[in-house]
Amino acid sequence: MGCAAAVNAAVMLHNQILQKKLEIFRSLYPNCHFLYADYWNAYLTIKMNLKKYQFEEAFKPCCGAVGGPLNFNLHSPCGSPGTVKCNDPSKFISWDGIHLTEAMNRKVTDLFLNQGFCQPSFSELVKSKSGM
């Protein structure tokens, strides 16, 4: 997908270790609820299915430096002279190469709340807290 393989591998390893630690905490503290929001897989799901989630641009930011493969220059952030803004931020995943667009945050939130990208799911958490 054009991403840094070493960074992706480190993220996946971190998430595996984190989930194992959460299981330890869940067994040590059975009366507590530990929620794991799988941001990595939510983000990846959207990135791999742009059309399904109504995005057109997976890499370039909506607002950024003109040119280069990613329209990003750390020394020329969004709003600096020479930067440009897209017409429709809802079609972009990234706002400025660092922050996500409102549309992307909305889609990730939906995956967390309604599509099973949290363990336990939010509905299970609400049921357990309300005694249902």
C-alpha atoms as a PDB file:
ATOM      1  CA  MET A   1       0.000   0.000   0.000  1.00  0.00           C
ATOM      2  CA  GLY A   2       2.991   2.314  -0.146  1.00  0.00           C
ATOM      3  CA  CYS A   3       3.504   2.420   3.610  1.00  0.00           C
ATOM      4  CA  ALA A   4       6.690   1.787   5.590  1.00  0.00           C
ATOM      5  CA  ALA A   5       6.804  -1.971   6.182  1.00  0.00           C
ATOM      6  CA  ALA A   6       9.070  -1.694   9.250  1.00  0.00           C
ATOM      7  CA  VAL A   7       6.751   0.822  10.915  1.00  0.00           C
ATOM      8  CA  ASN A   8       3.702  -1.305  10.113  1.00  0.00           C
ATOM      9  CA  ALA A   9       5.399  -4.384  11.596  1.00  0.00           C
ATOM     10  CA  ALA A  10       6.223  -2.436  14.770  1.00  0.00           C
ATOM     11  CA  VAL A  11       2.612  -1.268  15.089  1.00  0.00           C
ATOM     12  CA  MET A  12       1.302  -4.814  14.668  1.00  0.00           C
ATOM     13  CA  LEU A  13       3.762  -6.169  17.246  1.00  0.00           C
ATOM     14  CA  HIS A  14       2.840  -3.394  19.682  1.00  0.00           C
ATOM     15  CA  ASN A  15      -0.874  -4.210  19.294  1.00  0.00           C
ATOM     16  CA  GLN A  16      -0.249  -7.928  19.896  1.00  0.00           C
ATOM     17  CA  ILE A  17       1.689  -7.179  23.085  1.00  0.00           C
ATOM     18  CA  LEU A  18      -0.961  -4.695  24.204  1.00  0.00           C
ATOM     19  CA  GLN A  19      -3.766  -7.224  23.740  1.00  0.00           C
ATOM     20  CA  LYS A  20      -1.848  -9.855  25.740  1.00  0.00           C
ATOM     21  CA  LYS A  21      -1.321  -7.331  28.556  1.00  0.00           C
ATOM     22  CA  LEU A  22      -5.005  -6.442  28.493  1.00  0.00           C
ATOM     23  CA  GLU A  23      -5.895 -10.115  28.962  1.00  0.00           C
ATOM     24  CA  ILE A  24      -3.623 -10.206  32.020  1.00  0.00           C
ATOM     25  CA  PHE A  25      -5.314  -7.106  33.437  1.00  0.00           C
ATOM     26  CA  ARG A  26      -8.770  -8.554  32.711  1.00  0.00           C
ATOM     27  CA  SER A  27      -7.944 -11.695  34.693  1.00  0.00           C
ATOM     28  CA  LEU A  28      -6.306  -9.737  37.541  1.00  0.00           C
ATOM     29  CA  TYR A  29      -9.182  -7.256  37.796  1.00  0.00           C
ATOM     30  CA  PRO A  30     -12.365  -9.111  36.805  1.00  0.00           C
ATOM     31  CA  ASN A  31     -14.625  -6.318  38.064  1.00  0.00           C
ATOM     32  CA  CYS A  32     -13.039  -3.767  35.721  1.00  0.00           C
ATOM     33  CA  HIS A  33     -13.738  -3.262  32.048  1.00  0.00           C
ATOM     34  CA  PHE A  34     -10.819  -2.756  29.681  1.00  0.00           C
ATOM     35  CA  LEU A  35     -11.769  -1.662  26.202  1.00  0.00           C
ATOM     36  CA  TYR A  36      -9.421  -2.189  23.263  1.00  0.00           C
ATOM     37  CA  ALA A  37     -10.224   0.044  20.291  1.00  0.00           C
ATOM     38  CA  ASP A  38      -8.520  -1.497  17.271  1.00  0.00           C
ATOM     39  CA  TYR A  39      -7.575   1.731  15.543  1.00  0.00           C
ATOM     40  CA  TRP A  40      -4.969   0.054  13.347  1.00  0.00           C
ATOM     41  CA  ASN A  41      -7.420  -2.357  11.713  1.00  0.00           C
ATOM     42  CA  ALA A  42     -10.174   0.257  11.495  1.00  0.00           C
ATOM     43  CA  TYR A  43      -7.806   2.606   9.664  1.00  0.00           C
ATOM     44  CA  LEU A  44      -6.515  -0.196   7.442  1.00  0.00           C
ATOM     45  CA  THR A  45     -10.059  -1.355   6.612  1.00  0.00           C
ATOM     46  CA  ILE A  46     -10.970   2.104   5.389  1.00  0.00           C
ATOM     47  CA  LYS A  47      -7.711   2.571   3.510  1.00  0.00           C
ATOM     48  CA  MET A  48      -8.174  -0.769   1.697  1.00  0.00           C
ATOM     49  CA  ASN A  49     -11.819   0.035   0.825  1.00  0.00           C
ATOM     50  CA  LEU A  50     -11.776   3.705  -0.173  1.00  0.00           C
ATOM     51  CA  LYS A  51     -14.850   3.590  -2.405  1.00  0.00           C
ATOM     52  CA  LYS A  52     -16.958   1.751   0.173  1.00  0.00           C
ATOM     53  CA  TYR A  53     -16.227   4.511   2.685  1.00  0.00           C
ATOM     54  CA  GLN A  54     -16.656   7.295   0.090  1.00  0.00           C
ATOM     55  CA  PHE A  55     -13.006   8.413  -0.016  1.00  0.00           C
ATOM     56  CA  GLU A  56     -11.051   9.249  -3.150  1.00  0.00           C
ATOM     57  CA  GLU A  57      -7.588  10.003  -1.773  1.00  0.00           C
ATOM     58  CA  ALA A  58      -5.749   7.635   0.556  1.00  0.00           C
ATOM     59  CA  PHE A  59      -2.376   9.351   0.847  1.00  0.00           C
ATOM     60  CA  LYS A  60      -2.354  12.996  -0.171  1.00  0.00           C
ATOM     61  CA  PRO A  61      -3.657  15.488   2.386  1.00  0.00           C
ATOM     62  CA  CYS A  62      -6.513  17.854   1.639  1.00  0.00           C
ATOM     63  CA  CYS A  63      -4.383  20.816   2.656  1.00  0.00           C
ATOM     64  CA  GLY A  64      -0.655  20.954   2.042  1.00  0.00           C
ATOM     65  CA  ALA A  65       2.356  21.863  -0.010  1.00  0.00           C
ATOM     66  CA  VAL A  66       2.008  21.669  -3.753  1.00  0.00           C
ATOM     67  CA  GLY A  67       3.933  18.888  -5.458  1.00  0.00           C
ATOM     68  CA  GLY A  68       5.813  15.856  -4.300  1.00  0.00           C
ATOM     69  CA  PRO A  69       4.231  12.447  -4.084  1.00  0.00           C
ATOM     70  CA  LEU A  70       2.257  13.287  -0.930  1.00  0.00           C
ATOM     71  CA  ASN A  71       1.727  17.080  -1.122  1.00  0.00           C
ATOM     72  CA  PHE A  72       3.428  17.280   2.251  1.00  0.00           C
ATOM     73  CA  ASN A  73       6.324  19.349   3.468  1.00  0.00           C
ATOM     74  CA  LEU A  74       7.079  19.388   7.200  1.00  0.00           C
ATOM     75  CA  HIS A  75       8.460  22.926   6.861  1.00  0.00           C
ATOM     76  CA  SER A  76       5.413  24.201   4.963  1.00  0.00           C
ATOM     77  CA  PRO A  77       2.327  23.065   6.880  1.00  0.00           C
ATOM     78  CA  CYS A  78      -1.266  23.750   5.886  1.00  0.00           C
ATOM     79  CA  GLY A  79      -1.955  27.474   5.911  1.00  0.00           C
ATOM     80  CA  SER A  80       1.606  28.458   5.061  1.00  0.00           C
ATOM     81  CA  PRO A  81       2.283  30.527   1.924  1.00  0.00           C
ATOM     82  CA  GLY A  82       2.238  28.279  -1.129  1.00  0.00           C
ATOM     83  CA  THR A  83      -0.027  25.597   0.340  1.00  0.00           C
ATOM     84  CA  VAL A  84      -3.382  24.717  -1.176  1.00  0.00           C
ATOM     85  CA  LYS A  85      -6.615  23.272   0.182  1.00  0.00           C
ATOM     86  CA  CYS A  86      -8.834  20.796  -1.611  1.00  0.00           C
ATOM     87  CA  ASN A  87     -12.447  21.614  -2.482  1.00  0.00           C
ATOM     88  CA  ASP A  88     -14.005  18.637  -0.689  1.00  0.00           C
ATOM     89  CA  PRO A  89     -12.243  17.435   2.495  1.00  0.00           C
ATOM     90  CA  SER A  90     -14.829  14.649   2.903  1.00  0.00           C
ATOM     91  CA  LYS A  91     -13.090  12.780   0.056  1.00  0.00           C
ATOM     92  CA  PHE A  92      -9.709  12.773   1.845  1.00  0.00           C
ATOM     93  CA  ILE A  93      -8.437  10.656   4.745  1.00  0.00           C
ATOM     94  CA  SER A  94      -5.800  13.170   5.813  1.00  0.00           C
ATOM     95  CA  TRP A  95      -6.389  16.856   6.451  1.00  0.00           C
ATOM     96  CA  ASP A  96      -2.770  18.063   6.507  1.00  0.00           C
ATOM     97  CA  GLY A  97      -0.540  14.997   6.373  1.00  0.00           C
ATOM     98  CA  ILE A  98      -0.648  14.672  10.165  1.00  0.00           C
ATOM     99  CA  HIS A  99      -4.288  14.991  11.237  1.00  0.00           C
ATOM    100  CA  LEU A 100      -7.255  13.065   9.892  1.00  0.00           C
ATOM    101  CA  THR A 101     -10.198  14.792   8.269  1.00  0.00           C
ATOM    102  CA  GLU A 102     -13.511  15.072  10.062  1.00  0.00           C
ATOM    103  CA  ALA A 103     -14.921  12.551   7.570  1.00  0.00           C
ATOM    104  CA  MET A 104     -12.225   9.994   8.405  1.00  0.00           C
ATOM    105  CA  ASN A 105     -12.708  10.474  12.150  1.00  0.00           C
ATOM    106  CA  ARG A 106     -16.444   9.934  11.668  1.00  0.00           C
ATOM    107  CA  LYS A 107     -15.859   6.666   9.756  1.00  0.00           C
ATOM    108  CA  VAL A 108     -13.351   5.328  12.313  1.00  0.00           C
ATOM    109  CA  THR A 109     -15.757   6.196  15.131  1.00  0.00           C
ATOM    110  CA  ASP A 110     -18.539   4.281  13.380  1.00  0.00           C
ATOM    111  CA  LEU A 111     -16.268   1.240  13.079  1.00  0.00           C
ATOM    112  CA  PHE A 112     -15.523   1.476  16.814  1.00  0.00           C
ATOM    113  CA  LEU A 113     -19.119   1.951  17.935  1.00  0.00           C
ATOM    114  CA  ASN A 114     -21.034  -0.191  15.464  1.00  0.00           C
ATOM    115  CA  GLN A 115     -18.780  -2.472  13.440  1.00  0.00           C
ATOM    116  CA  GLY A 116     -16.888  -4.627  15.941  1.00  0.00           C
ATOM    117  CA  PHE A 117     -13.541  -2.827  16.040  1.00  0.00           C
ATOM    118  CA  CYS A 118     -13.633  -2.646  19.845  1.00  0.00           C
ATOM    119  CA  GLN A 119     -13.205  -5.539  22.283  1.00  0.00           C
ATOM    120  CA  PRO A 120     -15.500  -5.889  24.065  1.00  0.00           C
ATOM    121  CA  SER A 121     -17.970  -4.158  21.777  1.00  0.00           C
ATOM    122  CA  PHE A 122     -19.621  -0.974  22.977  1.00  0.00           C
ATOM    123  CA  SER A 123     -22.996  -2.744  23.125  1.00  0.00           C
ATOM    124  CA  GLU A 124     -21.498  -5.451  25.378  1.00  0.00           C
ATOM    125  CA  LEU A 125     -19.947  -2.762  27.563  1.00  0.00           C
ATOM    126  CA  VAL A 126     -23.241  -0.881  27.889  1.00  0.00           C
ATOM    127  CA  LYS A 127     -25.100  -4.114  28.726  1.00  0.00           C
ATOM    128  CA  SER A 128     -22.588  -5.039  31.419  1.00  0.00           C
ATOM    129  CA  LYS A 129     -22.648  -1.557  32.961  1.00  0.00           C
ATOM    130  CA  SER A 130     -26.456  -1.365  32.952  1.00  0.00           C
ATOM    131  CA  GLY A 131     -26.890  -4.881  34.364  1.00  0.00           C
ATOM    132  CA  MET A 132     -28.841  -6.142  31.352  1.00  0.00           C
END
